[in-house]
Amino acid sequence: MPRQRTDYEKAVGQLISAIQKEWTKHAGEGDIEKQSEAVMYRAHHFYKTETQADFEQLLQGGDIERYLGSDWVKKHPQIRQYFKHVENSVTPNPALKQDAPSARLLATRWAS
């Protein structure tokens, strides 16, 4: 059975999809195409963060806009709408991660 994607993974996927649309628009435009591609690759790093602590460590005290590249985001403001979805869906505590075996075990024990 395929693994269910978390709300966080879905939000990151939507952000990446929006960035990919911008990248496609700039195909063949030299530097802006390269910048868009770099932003898309940086956005993929969000998939490696599963908890609030991981997320904050990746951002290094900044925010998503700064992490992706403020200049690029200013030129593509329509992707900002996806930032809050990503931020709001980060799992605050690894023990609460829905697909973690310990979380499933706890849910099973509490249900009995």
Protein backbone atom coordinates (compact mmCIF):
# COMPACT_ATOMS: atom_id res chain seq x y z
CA MET A 1 0.00 0.00 0.00
CA PRO A 2 1.42 3.44 -0.92
CA ARG A 3 2.46 5.68 1.93
CA GLN A 4 0.14 8.59 2.67
CA ARG A 5 1.76 11.97 2.14
CA THR A 6 1.68 14.29 5.14
CA ASP A 7 0.09 17.73 4.97
CA TYR A 8 3.61 19.13 5.06
CA GLU A 9 4.71 17.06 2.06
CA LYS A 10 1.60 18.16 0.18
CA ALA A 11 2.29 21.82 0.98
CA VAL A 12 5.94 21.52 -0.12
CA GLY A 13 4.77 19.80 -3.31
CA GLN A 14 2.42 22.68 -4.07
CA LEU A 15 5.21 25.19 -3.49
CA ILE A 16 7.57 23.28 -5.77
CA SER A 17 4.88 22.98 -8.43
CA ALA A 18 4.36 26.76 -8.38
CA ILE A 19 8.11 27.32 -8.69
CA GLN A 20 8.31 24.82 -11.56
CA LYS A 21 5.64 26.78 -13.43
CA GLU A 22 7.77 29.91 -13.14
CA TRP A 23 10.86 27.97 -14.21
CA THR A 24 9.02 26.70 -17.29
CA LYS A 25 7.94 30.25 -18.19
CA HIS A 26 11.60 31.28 -18.22
CA ALA A 27 12.90 28.37 -20.30
CA GLY A 28 15.58 29.61 -22.67
CA GLU A 29 15.93 32.99 -20.92
CA GLY A 30 19.48 32.46 -19.65
CA ASP A 31 20.17 33.78 -16.15
CA ILE A 32 16.54 33.96 -14.99
CA GLU A 33 16.04 30.33 -16.05
CA LYS A 34 19.13 29.31 -14.06
CA GLN A 35 17.93 31.30 -11.04
CA SER A 36 14.50 29.68 -11.22
CA GLU A 37 16.07 26.24 -11.44
CA ALA A 38 18.27 26.97 -8.40
CA VAL A 39 15.21 28.11 -6.42
CA MET A 40 13.38 24.93 -7.37
CA TYR A 41 16.28 22.77 -6.19
CA ARG A 42 16.48 24.69 -2.89
CA ALA A 43 12.74 24.16 -2.38
CA HIS A 44 13.27 20.39 -2.68
CA HIS A 45 15.37 20.59 0.52
CA PHE A 46 12.13 21.17 2.44
CA TYR A 47 11.30 17.49 1.88
CA LYS A 48 14.25 16.63 4.13
CA THR A 49 12.81 18.57 7.06
CA GLU A 50 10.15 16.73 9.03
CA THR A 51 9.98 18.66 12.27
CA GLN A 52 9.89 22.29 13.32
CA ALA A 53 13.49 22.01 14.55
CA ASP A 54 14.69 20.60 11.20
CA PHE A 55 12.76 23.30 9.35
CA GLU A 56 14.22 26.11 11.46
CA GLN A 57 17.72 24.68 11.09
CA LEU A 58 17.34 24.63 7.31
CA LEU A 59 16.18 28.27 7.29
CA GLN A 60 19.08 29.26 9.59
CA GLY A 61 17.10 31.93 11.40
CA GLY A 62 15.56 33.32 8.22
CA ASP A 63 12.31 32.65 6.45
CA ILE A 64 11.27 30.81 3.31
CA GLU A 65 11.61 33.88 1.11
CA ARG A 66 15.17 34.48 2.22
CA TYR A 67 16.04 30.78 1.93
CA LEU A 68 14.75 30.56 -1.65
CA GLY A 69 16.20 33.93 -2.63
CA SER A 70 14.52 37.24 -1.88
CA ASP A 71 15.31 38.78 -5.25
CA TRP A 72 13.75 35.87 -7.13
CA VAL A 73 10.67 35.82 -4.88
CA LYS A 74 10.17 39.58 -5.37
CA LYS A 75 10.06 38.94 -9.12
CA HIS A 76 7.58 36.07 -8.59
CA PRO A 77 5.35 37.24 -5.69
CA GLN A 78 2.56 34.80 -6.56
CA ILE A 79 4.48 31.97 -4.90
CA ARG A 80 4.36 33.68 -1.49
CA GLN A 81 0.85 32.32 -1.00
CA TYR A 82 2.36 28.84 -0.56
CA PHE A 83 4.77 29.86 2.21
CA LYS A 84 2.15 29.87 5.00
CA HIS A 85 0.87 26.44 3.97
CA VAL A 86 4.39 25.05 4.33
CA GLU A 87 5.06 26.87 7.60
CA ASN A 88 1.73 25.87 9.14
CA SER A 89 2.06 22.20 8.29
CA VAL A 90 5.50 21.51 9.77
CA THR A 91 5.30 18.87 12.50
CA PRO A 92 6.22 20.60 15.78
CA ASN A 93 7.44 17.45 17.54
CA PRO A 94 8.97 14.29 16.04
CA ALA A 95 6.85 12.12 18.36
CA LEU A 96 3.73 13.59 16.74
CA LYS A 97 4.82 12.74 13.22
CA GLN A 98 1.87 10.85 11.76
CA ASP A 99 3.81 8.24 9.82
CA ALA A 100 6.31 7.51 12.59
CA PRO A 101 6.04 3.96 13.97
CA SER A 102 5.93 5.29 17.53
CA ALA A 103 3.01 7.57 16.66
CA ARG A 104 1.09 4.65 15.14
CA LEU A 105 1.86 2.52 18.20
CA LEU A 106 0.66 5.24 20.57
CA ALA A 107 -2.50 5.77 18.53
CA THR A 108 -3.19 2.03 18.64
CA ARG A 109 -2.65 1.86 22.41
CA TRP A 110 -4.90 4.86 23.08
CA ALA A 111 -7.63 3.45 20.84
CA SER A 112 -7.83 0.20 22.86
